[in-house]
């Protein structure tokens, strides 16, 4: 297939991933980034001064999962080296296995389960520097897309996108393209752009994540030796409060706290005094935030109005418009606290690159790409919608003083939803530290290497989880932090 000119709307992680994947295959790529944000001198300056207004998530915790790391390893190994030079660290599953188990029996596939400890801002800076230095991509800063250019020779067929109209420092102009890729994030205007050229309305599905969250970054002191960090991310769920600790590059880590929007008293975590009080009350974060071990290097950054959202660009087997696709958050985004956004964007980017190479016909290209998203991304979206709905139900039950893990109903029957919650809490979680087979399957799943349904359907894994659940009476359930009443009492003491 011949080389094509691809216009990419958005120059963040998703757009840069698309430009890298396509330019390496010989296609001409023009990236249009609306933010007029010149690249800082280095990644350290970027963390301190780079204000990415179009990407507010850059100031929050991120997980760069094994699926993403492996794409970099396989397609841009020199980029992986550059990330390591800037302080990023690889976090192998094998290290965690050896920490937990004496003489663990490892398998070759374990070498693929390697996360990357790296701040989101560092990753984007190194990635943009890498793309710019390649000389293969025309990256235009401060250029905003105002509309799609199109033609429609057949009124009975969808419109054909032929380029974009832009506004920037040089004024307005049109840019022709063989394919336009929307990588502009969750705030994408594709819902306006496509109908304005005569395409069908974009169908959109959205559901509340049921949380808001707040993050702060810390740097380890020069001689401090931190505790082991399991796969780069450690999570604790107190029911009323979710706690995450994320490894970053250059001995930096972050702490994220999340609570339900309906829990008004917990909004204290959005401000520094309440955030610090909560961090000090949870043993995991108290240990890492101990002044003898680390020092905070940012304030507290909050993020709210979070949704799981999916948009459809193919309906009834026909694209809404030929010559137009979307990648990353512009197409599908999920609860950011699970840290899958960058990985999903790159899965889409490299799938798209394969489709661009395989198909000259824009309709065949769009349908093949849509099928890859249905296979590799949509199952995770569906899972997150289900999990977030259940998390909302758990929070509401706790606020009513109910036990969301009580399996038996008043009439003596079992509640299947609560049973699965109990199996996860009292079966899966302890099994992760007791059974290497379960830990391996879980690690592959959360790193997007295996489909989400495989874990609980695996005939070698589920019986082990149920066995751990049957032994729940033999162990003391860990207490990850204070009760909600105890936490609120700490907040009240602040006012005193």
Protein backbone atom coordinates (compact mmCIF):
# COMPACT_ATOMS: atom_id res chain seq x y z
CA UNK A 1 0.00 0.00 0.00
CA UNK A 2 1.23 3.51 -0.73
CA UNK A 3 2.33 6.14 1.78
CA UNK A 4 -0.49 8.36 3.02
CA UNK A 5 -0.74 11.80 4.57
CA UNK A 6 -2.27 11.52 8.03
CA UNK A 7 -3.44 14.54 10.02
CA UNK A 8 -3.54 13.87 13.76
CA UNK A 9 -5.64 16.19 15.94
CA UNK A 10 -3.95 16.42 19.33
CA UNK A 11 -0.30 16.19 20.30
CA UNK A 12 -0.47 14.50 23.68
CA UNK A 13 0.34 10.84 24.46
CA UNK A 14 -2.36 9.46 22.13
CA UNK A 15 -1.51 11.71 19.19
CA UNK A 16 2.21 11.20 19.63
CA UNK A 17 1.68 7.44 19.77
CA UNK A 18 -0.24 7.57 16.48
CA UNK A 19 2.41 9.75 14.86
CA UNK A 20 5.20 7.43 16.01
CA UNK A 21 3.42 4.29 14.80
CA UNK A 22 2.57 5.75 11.39
CA UNK A 23 5.75 7.70 10.66
CA UNK A 24 7.89 4.62 11.32
CA UNK A 25 5.93 2.88 8.55
CA UNK A 26 6.73 5.58 6.02
CA UNK A 27 3.55 7.68 6.20
CA UNK A 28 3.65 11.47 6.27
CA UNK A 29 2.18 12.72 9.54
CA UNK A 30 1.07 16.21 10.56
CA UNK A 31 0.23 16.67 14.25
CA UNK A 32 -1.94 19.63 15.26
CA UNK A 33 -1.68 20.55 18.95
CA UNK A 34 -4.06 23.27 20.16
CA UNK A 35 -2.01 24.18 23.26
CA UNK A 36 0.67 26.76 22.51
CA UNK A 37 3.11 25.14 24.91
CA UNK A 38 6.72 25.12 23.73
CA UNK A 39 8.70 22.09 24.86
CA UNK A 40 10.67 22.74 28.06
CA UNK A 41 14.42 22.21 28.09
CA UNK A 42 14.30 18.86 29.90
CA UNK A 43 11.90 16.54 31.73
CA UNK A 44 12.70 18.05 35.12
CA UNK A 45 11.74 21.52 33.94
CA UNK A 46 8.66 20.03 32.29
CA UNK A 47 7.36 18.73 35.61
CA UNK A 48 7.82 22.15 37.21
CA UNK A 49 6.68 24.47 34.42
CA UNK A 50 4.90 22.68 31.56
CA UNK A 51 1.22 23.59 31.76
CA UNK A 52 -0.73 21.28 29.48
CA UNK A 53 -4.18 22.89 29.64
CA UNK A 54 -5.56 20.34 27.21
CA UNK A 55 -4.33 17.49 29.42
CA UNK A 56 -5.20 18.29 33.06
CA UNK A 57 -4.44 14.66 33.95
CA UNK A 58 -0.71 15.33 33.59
CA UNK A 59 -0.65 16.52 37.22
CA UNK A 60 -2.04 13.22 38.48
CA UNK A 61 -0.84 9.67 39.09
CA UNK A 62 -0.40 7.35 36.11
CA UNK A 63 0.41 3.72 35.53
CA UNK A 64 2.34 2.77 32.41
CA UNK A 65 1.29 -0.84 32.08
CA UNK A 66 3.15 -3.77 30.55
CA UNK A 67 1.04 -3.67 27.36
CA UNK A 68 2.29 -0.13 26.71
CA UNK A 69 5.87 -0.90 27.75
CA UNK A 70 5.94 -3.89 25.38
CA UNK A 71 4.71 -1.78 22.47
CA UNK A 72 7.58 0.61 23.13
CA UNK A 73 10.03 -2.30 23.48
CA UNK A 74 8.90 -3.88 20.22
CA UNK A 75 8.42 -0.80 18.05
CA UNK A 76 10.63 1.94 19.52
CA UNK A 77 13.35 0.40 21.72
CA UNK A 78 15.40 3.58 21.50
CA UNK A 79 12.48 5.44 23.14
CA UNK A 80 12.57 2.96 26.01
CA UNK A 81 16.27 3.71 26.46
CA UNK A 82 15.55 7.45 26.48
CA UNK A 83 12.88 7.01 29.15
CA UNK A 84 15.31 5.06 31.31
CA UNK A 85 17.95 7.76 30.84
CA UNK A 86 15.41 10.24 32.27
CA UNK A 87 14.89 8.08 35.35
CA UNK A 88 12.09 5.72 34.34
CA UNK A 89 12.39 2.23 35.81
CA UNK A 90 11.16 -1.13 34.63
CA UNK A 91 9.20 -3.07 37.26
CA UNK A 92 9.25 -6.80 36.41
CA UNK A 93 6.68 -9.26 37.65
CA UNK A 94 9.56 -11.64 38.34
CA UNK A 95 10.91 -9.31 41.02
CA UNK A 96 7.60 -9.29 42.83
CA UNK A 97 7.31 -13.07 42.52
CA UNK A 98 10.73 -13.52 44.15
CA UNK A 99 9.77 -11.13 46.94
CA UNK A 100 6.68 -13.15 47.84
CA UNK A 101 7.69 -16.74 47.09
CA UNK A 102 10.78 -18.77 47.83
CA UNK A 103 12.23 -20.25 44.62
CA UNK A 104 9.17 -19.41 42.46
CA UNK A 105 8.72 -21.45 39.30
CA UNK A 106 8.78 -18.80 36.57
CA UNK A 107 7.79 -19.19 32.92
CA UNK A 108 9.08 -17.39 29.78
CA UNK A 109 5.86 -15.37 29.49
CA UNK A 110 6.66 -13.70 32.81
CA UNK A 111 9.28 -11.60 31.02
CA UNK A 112 6.46 -9.73 29.25
CA UNK A 113 4.90 -8.61 32.53
CA UNK A 114 6.97 -5.49 33.12
CA UNK A 115 5.40 -2.16 34.05
CA UNK A 116 7.16 1.18 33.70
CA UNK A 117 7.56 3.58 36.62
CA UNK A 118 7.36 7.01 35.00
CA UNK A 119 5.43 10.22 35.58
CA UNK A 120 2.90 11.14 32.91
CA UNK A 121 4.60 14.48 32.27
CA UNK A 122 8.01 12.81 31.88
CA UNK A 123 6.58 10.24 29.47
CA UNK A 124 4.96 12.91 27.30
CA UNK A 125 8.07 15.12 27.30
CA UNK A 126 10.42 12.28 26.30
CA UNK A 127 7.91 11.04 23.72
CA UNK A 128 7.50 14.45 22.08
CA UNK A 129 11.26 15.03 22.09
CA UNK A 130 11.73 11.63 20.48
CA UNK A 131 9.12 12.29 17.78
CA UNK A 132 10.51 15.76 17.02
CA UNK A 133 14.09 14.48 16.84
CA UNK A 134 13.08 11.78 14.37
CA UNK A 135 12.44 14.45 11.73
CA UNK A 136 9.59 12.31 10.38
CA UNK A 137 6.66 14.27 11.83
CA UNK A 138 5.42 17.80 11.18
CA UNK A 139 4.39 18.91 14.70
CA UNK A 140 2.49 22.22 14.79
CA UNK A 141 2.11 23.89 18.16
CA UNK A 142 -0.77 26.26 18.95
CA UNK A 143 -2.85 25.17 15.94
CA UNK A 144 -6.54 24.56 16.59
CA UNK A 145 -8.86 22.55 14.34
CA UNK A 146 -12.06 24.51 13.70
CA UNK A 147 -13.84 22.09 11.38
CA UNK A 148 -13.48 19.09 9.11
CA UNK A 149 -13.19 19.50 5.36
CA UNK A 150 -15.21 17.00 3.36
CA UNK A 151 -16.81 15.98 0.10
CA UNK A 152 -19.90 13.88 -0.68
CA UNK A 153 -20.08 12.69 -4.29
CA UNK A 154 -22.81 10.17 -3.42
CA UNK A 155 -25.63 11.70 -1.31
CA UNK A 156 -26.66 8.20 -0.23
CA UNK A 157 -23.20 7.43 1.19
CA UNK A 158 -21.45 8.88 4.25
CA UNK A 159 -19.38 12.02 3.71
CA UNK A 160 -15.67 11.65 2.97
CA UNK A 161 -13.33 13.67 5.22
CA UNK A 162 -10.60 15.22 3.07
CA UNK A 163 -8.78 17.33 5.64
CA UNK A 164 -9.23 19.97 8.33
CA UNK A 165 -9.62 23.71 8.65
CA UNK A 166 -7.30 25.21 11.27
CA UNK A 167 -6.59 28.46 13.06
CA UNK A 168 -3.15 29.26 14.41
CA UNK A 169 -0.34 31.83 14.62
CA UNK A 170 -0.24 32.09 10.81
CA UNK A 171 -4.01 32.60 10.54
CA UNK A 172 -6.58 30.22 9.07
CA UNK A 173 -5.78 27.53 6.55
CA UNK A 174 -6.94 24.19 5.21
CA UNK A 175 -4.82 21.04 5.38
CA UNK A 176 -5.57 18.13 3.05
CA UNK A 177 -5.29 14.57 4.34
CA UNK A 178 -5.86 10.98 3.27
CA UNK A 179 -6.95 10.24 6.84
CA UNK A 180 -7.82 12.43 9.83
CA UNK A 181 -7.24 10.93 13.28
CA UNK A 182 -8.90 12.51 16.29
CA UNK A 183 -6.60 12.12 19.30
CA UNK A 184 -7.82 15.24 21.09
CA UNK A 185 -8.93 13.49 24.27
CA UNK A 186 -12.14 13.25 26.23
CA UNK A 187 -13.05 16.86 25.34
CA UNK A 188 -13.06 16.04 21.63
CA UNK A 189 -15.45 18.02 19.44
CA UNK A 190 -16.12 15.12 17.09
CA UNK A 191 -19.76 15.19 18.23
CA UNK A 192 -19.98 18.63 16.59
CA UNK A 193 -17.55 18.16 13.71
CA UNK A 194 -19.16 15.10 12.13
CA UNK A 195 -22.83 16.24 12.06
CA UNK A 196 -21.69 19.59 10.66
CA UNK A 197 -20.48 17.83 7.47
CA UNK A 198 -23.70 15.84 7.12
CA UNK A 199 -22.71 12.69 9.01
CA UNK A 200 -25.10 10.92 11.36
CA UNK A 201 -25.09 12.10 14.95
CA UNK A 202 -22.42 10.48 17.08
CA UNK A 203 -23.89 8.00 19.54
CA UNK A 204 -22.39 8.43 22.97
CA UNK A 205 -22.79 6.39 26.15
CA UNK A 206 -21.62 7.77 29.47
CA UNK A 207 -21.84 6.70 33.10
CA UNK A 208 -20.50 8.21 36.29
CA UNK A 209 -17.29 6.75 37.71
CA UNK A 210 -18.66 7.45 41.16
CA UNK A 211 -15.50 9.12 42.45
CA UNK A 212 -13.50 12.28 42.48
CA UNK A 213 -9.82 12.07 43.28
CA UNK A 214 -6.87 14.13 44.35
CA UNK A 215 -3.12 13.57 43.92
CA UNK A 216 0.18 14.77 45.31
CA UNK A 217 3.77 14.01 44.28
CA UNK A 218 6.70 13.26 46.59
CA UNK A 219 10.43 12.72 46.12
CA UNK A 220 12.42 10.15 48.08
CA UNK A 221 15.27 11.61 50.08
CA UNK A 222 18.75 10.91 48.66
CA UNK A 223 19.75 8.10 51.02
CA UNK A 224 16.27 6.72 51.71
CA UNK A 225 15.48 3.11 50.83
CA UNK A 226 11.75 2.79 50.10
CA UNK A 227 9.64 -0.30 50.80
CA UNK A 228 8.97 -2.63 47.81
CA UNK A 229 6.30 -1.32 45.47
CA UNK A 230 4.24 -4.13 43.96
CA UNK A 231 4.34 -3.72 40.20
CA UNK A 232 4.64 0.05 40.49
CA UNK A 233 1.17 0.54 41.97
CA UNK A 234 -0.30 -0.38 45.34
CA UNK A 235 -3.99 0.12 46.05
CA UNK A 236 -6.02 0.04 49.22
CA UNK A 237 -9.82 0.19 49.34
CA UNK A 238 -11.26 1.34 52.64
CA UNK A 239 -14.78 1.33 51.24
CA UNK A 240 -15.40 5.03 51.77
CA UNK A 241 -11.91 5.91 50.49
CA UNK A 242 -9.69 4.48 47.76
CA UNK A 243 -5.95 4.94 48.16
CA UNK A 244 -3.31 4.51 45.45
CA UNK A 245 0.46 4.81 45.57
CA UNK A 246 2.19 5.07 42.18
CA UNK A 247 5.88 4.79 41.35
CA UNK A 248 7.36 7.47 39.11
CA UNK A 249 10.71 8.24 37.56
CA UNK A 250 13.73 9.81 39.26
CA UNK A 251 12.76 8.59 42.76
CA UNK A 252 9.44 10.41 42.57
CA UNK A 253 6.15 8.80 43.55
CA UNK A 254 2.58 10.00 43.94
CA UNK A 255 -0.33 9.35 46.28
CA UNK A 256 -3.91 9.49 45.06
CA UNK A 257 -7.04 9.52 47.25
CA UNK A 258 -10.54 9.01 45.84
CA UNK A 259 -14.00 9.20 47.39
CA UNK A 260 -17.63 9.25 46.34
CA UNK A 261 -19.03 12.65 45.23
CA UNK A 262 -22.05 12.04 47.50
CA UNK A 263 -19.83 11.77 50.59
CA UNK A 264 -19.65 15.47 51.36
CA UNK A 265 -17.52 15.26 54.55
CA UNK A 266 -14.80 13.39 52.67
CA UNK A 267 -14.27 16.38 50.40
CA UNK A 268 -11.73 17.49 52.97
CA UNK A 269 -9.19 15.43 51.01
CA UNK A 270 -9.38 18.01 48.19
CA UNK A 271 -7.50 20.47 50.41
CA UNK A 272 -4.01 20.06 51.80
CA UNK A 273 -4.85 19.72 55.53
CA UNK A 274 -7.46 17.02 54.91
CA UNK A 275 -5.27 15.25 52.35
CA UNK A 276 -2.35 15.12 54.77
CA UNK A 277 -4.58 13.92 57.60
CA UNK A 278 -5.86 11.07 55.45
CA UNK A 279 -2.37 10.14 54.24
CA UNK A 280 -1.11 10.01 57.84
CA UNK A 281 -4.05 7.81 58.87
CA UNK A 282 -3.45 5.06 56.30
CA UNK A 283 -0.42 2.88 57.16
CA UNK A 284 0.64 2.39 53.53
CA UNK A 285 0.79 6.09 52.67
CA UNK A 286 1.98 7.15 56.13
CA UNK A 287 5.07 4.99 55.68
CA UNK A 288 5.90 6.46 52.26
CA UNK A 289 5.08 10.07 53.19
CA UNK A 290 7.16 9.91 56.37
CA UNK A 291 9.39 13.03 56.32
CA UNK A 292 12.38 10.80 57.04
CA UNK A 293 11.73 8.95 53.76
CA UNK A 294 10.36 11.59 51.38
CA UNK A 295 9.30 15.18 50.89
CA UNK A 296 6.29 16.57 49.00
CA UNK A 297 7.18 18.41 45.80
CA UNK A 298 3.70 19.58 44.70
CA UNK A 299 0.48 20.76 46.19
CA UNK A 300 -2.75 18.79 46.03
CA UNK A 301 -4.48 18.55 42.63
CA UNK A 302 -8.10 17.45 42.39
CA UNK A 303 -10.08 16.03 39.48
CA UNK A 304 -13.86 15.56 39.39
CA UNK A 305 -16.81 14.98 37.04
CA UNK A 306 -15.30 11.69 35.94
CA UNK A 307 -17.15 9.40 33.54
CA UNK A 308 -16.74 6.21 31.59
CA UNK A 309 -17.59 7.27 28.04
CA UNK A 310 -17.78 5.51 24.70
CA UNK A 311 -18.47 7.01 21.28
CA UNK A 312 -19.44 5.05 18.18
CA UNK A 313 -18.00 6.02 14.79
CA UNK A 314 -19.40 2.95 13.04
CA UNK A 315 -23.14 2.22 12.96
CA UNK A 316 -24.82 -0.75 11.28
CA UNK A 317 -21.53 -1.75 9.71
CA UNK A 318 -20.97 1.66 8.09
CA UNK A 319 -18.59 4.44 9.27
CA UNK A 320 -20.25 7.76 10.07
CA UNK A 321 -17.67 9.32 7.76
CA UNK A 322 -14.97 7.86 5.56
CA UNK A 323 -11.45 9.10 6.16
CA UNK A 324 -11.96 9.81 9.88
CA UNK A 325 -11.18 7.73 12.98
CA UNK A 326 -10.53 8.43 16.66
CA UNK A 327 -7.93 7.07 19.07
CA UNK A 328 -7.66 7.04 22.85
CA UNK A 329 -9.91 9.10 25.10
CA UNK A 330 -11.65 10.75 22.14
CA UNK A 331 -13.18 7.36 21.37
CA UNK A 332 -13.32 5.53 24.71
CA UNK A 333 -12.22 6.61 28.17
CA UNK A 334 -12.65 4.93 31.52
CA UNK A 335 -12.17 5.72 35.18
CA UNK A 336 -8.69 7.30 35.29
CA UNK A 337 -7.90 5.86 38.70
CA UNK A 338 -7.27 2.45 37.09
CA UNK A 339 -4.50 3.96 34.97
CA UNK A 340 -5.29 2.43 31.59
CA UNK A 341 -5.63 5.58 29.46
CA UNK A 342 -2.11 5.80 27.99
CA UNK A 343 -2.02 2.07 27.34
CA UNK A 344 -5.41 2.08 25.58
CA UNK A 345 -4.28 4.99 23.41
CA UNK A 346 -1.20 3.11 22.23
CA UNK A 347 -3.09 -0.13 21.66
CA UNK A 348 -5.36 1.89 19.36
CA UNK A 349 -2.45 3.72 17.73
CA UNK A 350 -0.59 0.61 16.65
CA UNK A 351 -3.78 -1.20 15.62
CA UNK A 352 -4.59 1.80 13.43
CA UNK A 353 -1.11 1.75 11.90
CA UNK A 354 -1.61 -1.88 10.86
CA UNK A 355 -4.97 -1.02 9.30
CA UNK A 356 -3.54 1.96 7.42
CA UNK A 357 -0.90 -0.30 5.93
CA UNK A 358 -3.38 -3.05 5.08
CA UNK A 359 -6.18 -1.05 3.44
CA UNK A 360 -6.24 1.71 0.84
CA UNK A 361 -10.02 1.87 0.91
CA UNK A 362 -10.99 4.21 3.80
CA UNK A 363 -14.14 2.25 4.60
CA UNK A 364 -12.33 -1.06 4.89
CA UNK A 365 -9.70 0.66 7.02
CA UNK A 366 -12.31 2.11 9.40
CA UNK A 367 -14.15 -1.20 9.77
CA UNK A 368 -10.95 -3.15 10.46
CA UNK A 369 -9.86 -0.58 13.04
CA UNK A 370 -13.30 -0.61 14.68
CA UNK A 371 -13.10 -4.40 14.96
CA UNK A 372 -9.71 -4.15 16.69
CA UNK A 373 -11.13 -1.69 19.24
CA UNK A 374 -14.10 -3.97 19.88
CA UNK A 375 -11.70 -6.82 20.56
CA UNK A 376 -8.92 -5.12 22.54
CA UNK A 377 -10.49 -2.13 24.32
CA UNK A 378 -14.27 -2.45 24.61
CA UNK A 379 -14.18 -5.43 27.03
CA UNK A 380 -12.20 -3.29 29.45
CA UNK A 381 -14.65 -0.43 29.08
CA UNK A 382 -17.58 -2.75 29.80
CA UNK A 383 -15.78 -4.17 32.84
CA UNK A 384 -15.06 -0.72 34.25
CA UNK A 385 -18.68 0.41 33.84
CA UNK A 386 -19.78 -2.67 35.82
CA UNK A 387 -17.11 -2.24 38.50
CA UNK A 388 -17.84 1.45 38.98
CA UNK A 389 -21.58 0.82 39.28
CA UNK A 390 -20.85 -1.74 41.98
CA UNK A 391 -18.44 0.62 43.74
CA UNK A 392 -21.18 3.26 43.83
CA UNK A 393 -23.54 0.68 45.34
CA UNK A 394 -20.93 -0.26 47.98
CA UNK A 395 -20.43 3.38 48.96
CA UNK A 396 -24.18 3.97 49.24
CA UNK A 397 -24.68 0.84 51.35
CA UNK A 398 -21.89 1.86 53.70
CA UNK A 399 -23.32 5.36 54.08
CA UNK A 400 -26.61 3.70 55.08
CA UNK A 401 -24.78 1.67 57.71
CA UNK A 402 -25.16 -1.60 55.79
CA UNK A 403 -22.52 -4.28 55.25
CA UNK A 404 -21.97 -4.48 51.46
CA UNK A 405 -20.16 -7.82 51.88
CA UNK A 406 -22.92 -9.62 53.82
CA UNK A 407 -23.62 -12.56 51.54
CA UNK A 408 -26.79 -13.89 53.17
CA UNK A 409 -30.09 -12.12 52.59
CA UNK A 410 -32.69 -11.80 55.40
CA UNK A 411 -34.68 -14.67 53.85
CA UNK A 412 -31.66 -16.98 54.00
CA UNK A 413 -30.80 -16.86 50.30
CA UNK A 414 -27.44 -15.65 49.01
CA UNK A 415 -26.91 -12.37 47.17
CA UNK A 416 -24.71 -13.28 44.16
CA UNK A 417 -23.38 -9.74 43.76
CA UNK A 418 -22.31 -9.51 47.39
CA UNK A 419 -20.88 -13.03 47.18
CA UNK A 420 -18.55 -11.96 44.35
CA UNK A 421 -17.51 -8.90 46.35
CA UNK A 422 -16.65 -11.17 49.26
CA UNK A 423 -14.76 -13.59 47.00
CA UNK A 424 -12.64 -10.72 45.69
CA UNK A 425 -11.93 -9.34 49.15
CA UNK A 426 -11.47 -12.62 51.05
CA UNK A 427 -10.36 -14.88 48.18
CA UNK A 428 -8.61 -13.05 45.36
CA UNK A 429 -6.73 -10.47 47.43
CA UNK A 430 -5.16 -12.93 49.88
CA UNK A 431 -4.46 -15.39 47.06
CA UNK A 432 -2.29 -12.76 45.37
CA UNK A 433 0.22 -13.21 48.17
CA UNK A 434 -0.28 -16.95 48.68
CA UNK A 435 -0.47 -18.43 45.18
CA UNK A 436 1.93 -17.69 42.32
CA UNK A 437 -0.52 -18.96 39.68
CA UNK A 438 -3.16 -16.47 40.82
CA UNK A 439 -0.65 -13.63 41.07
CA UNK A 440 0.60 -14.35 37.53
CA UNK A 441 -2.91 -14.46 36.03
CA UNK A 442 -3.94 -11.29 37.87
CA UNK A 443 -0.77 -9.43 36.88
CA UNK A 444 -1.21 -10.34 33.23
CA UNK A 445 -4.81 -9.18 33.34
CA UNK A 446 -4.27 -5.81 35.01
CA UNK A 447 -1.39 -5.15 32.60
CA UNK A 448 -3.78 -5.69 29.64
CA UNK A 449 -1.87 -8.73 28.40
CA UNK A 450 -4.87 -11.06 28.81
CA UNK A 451 -8.56 -10.21 28.28
CA UNK A 452 -10.45 -9.21 31.45
CA UNK A 453 -12.80 -12.19 31.36
CA UNK A 454 -9.98 -14.72 31.38
CA UNK A 455 -9.12 -14.36 35.07
CA UNK A 456 -12.35 -15.61 36.62
CA UNK A 457 -12.99 -18.09 33.79
CA UNK A 458 -9.55 -19.69 33.98
CA UNK A 459 -10.11 -23.26 35.23
CA UNK A 460 -6.71 -23.23 36.92
CA UNK A 461 -7.23 -19.90 38.67
CA UNK A 462 -10.80 -19.64 39.92
CA UNK A 463 -10.64 -22.82 42.04
CA UNK A 464 -7.53 -21.42 43.74
CA UNK A 465 -9.33 -18.17 44.51
CA UNK A 466 -12.31 -20.08 45.94
CA UNK A 467 -9.96 -22.21 48.03
CA UNK A 468 -8.43 -19.04 49.47
CA UNK A 469 -11.95 -17.76 50.16
CA UNK A 470 -12.82 -20.98 52.00
CA UNK A 471 -9.84 -20.36 54.29
CA UNK A 472 -11.01 -16.87 55.19
CA UNK A 473 -11.75 -17.93 58.77
CA UNK A 474 -8.14 -18.99 59.25
CA UNK A 475 -6.69 -15.53 58.69
CA UNK A 476 -7.16 -12.14 60.24
CA UNK A 477 -8.52 -9.73 57.67
CA UNK A 478 -6.02 -6.88 57.27
CA UNK A 479 -7.08 -3.44 58.38
CA UNK A 480 -5.83 -1.03 55.75
CA UNK A 481 -6.85 2.12 57.56
CA UNK A 482 -9.30 3.80 59.90
CA UNK A 483 -13.06 3.51 59.66
CA UNK A 484 -14.97 6.36 58.09
CA UNK A 485 -16.04 7.64 61.53
CA UNK A 486 -12.43 7.57 62.70
CA UNK A 487 -11.30 9.45 59.59
CA UNK A 488 -14.01 12.09 60.03
CA UNK A 489 -12.91 12.53 63.64
CA UNK A 490 -9.40 13.29 62.36
CA UNK A 491 -10.87 15.90 60.04
CA UNK A 492 -12.85 17.46 62.87
CA UNK A 493 -9.69 17.67 64.94
CA UNK A 494 -8.15 19.81 62.20
CA UNK A 495 -10.83 22.43 62.69
CA UNK A 496 -10.10 22.43 66.42
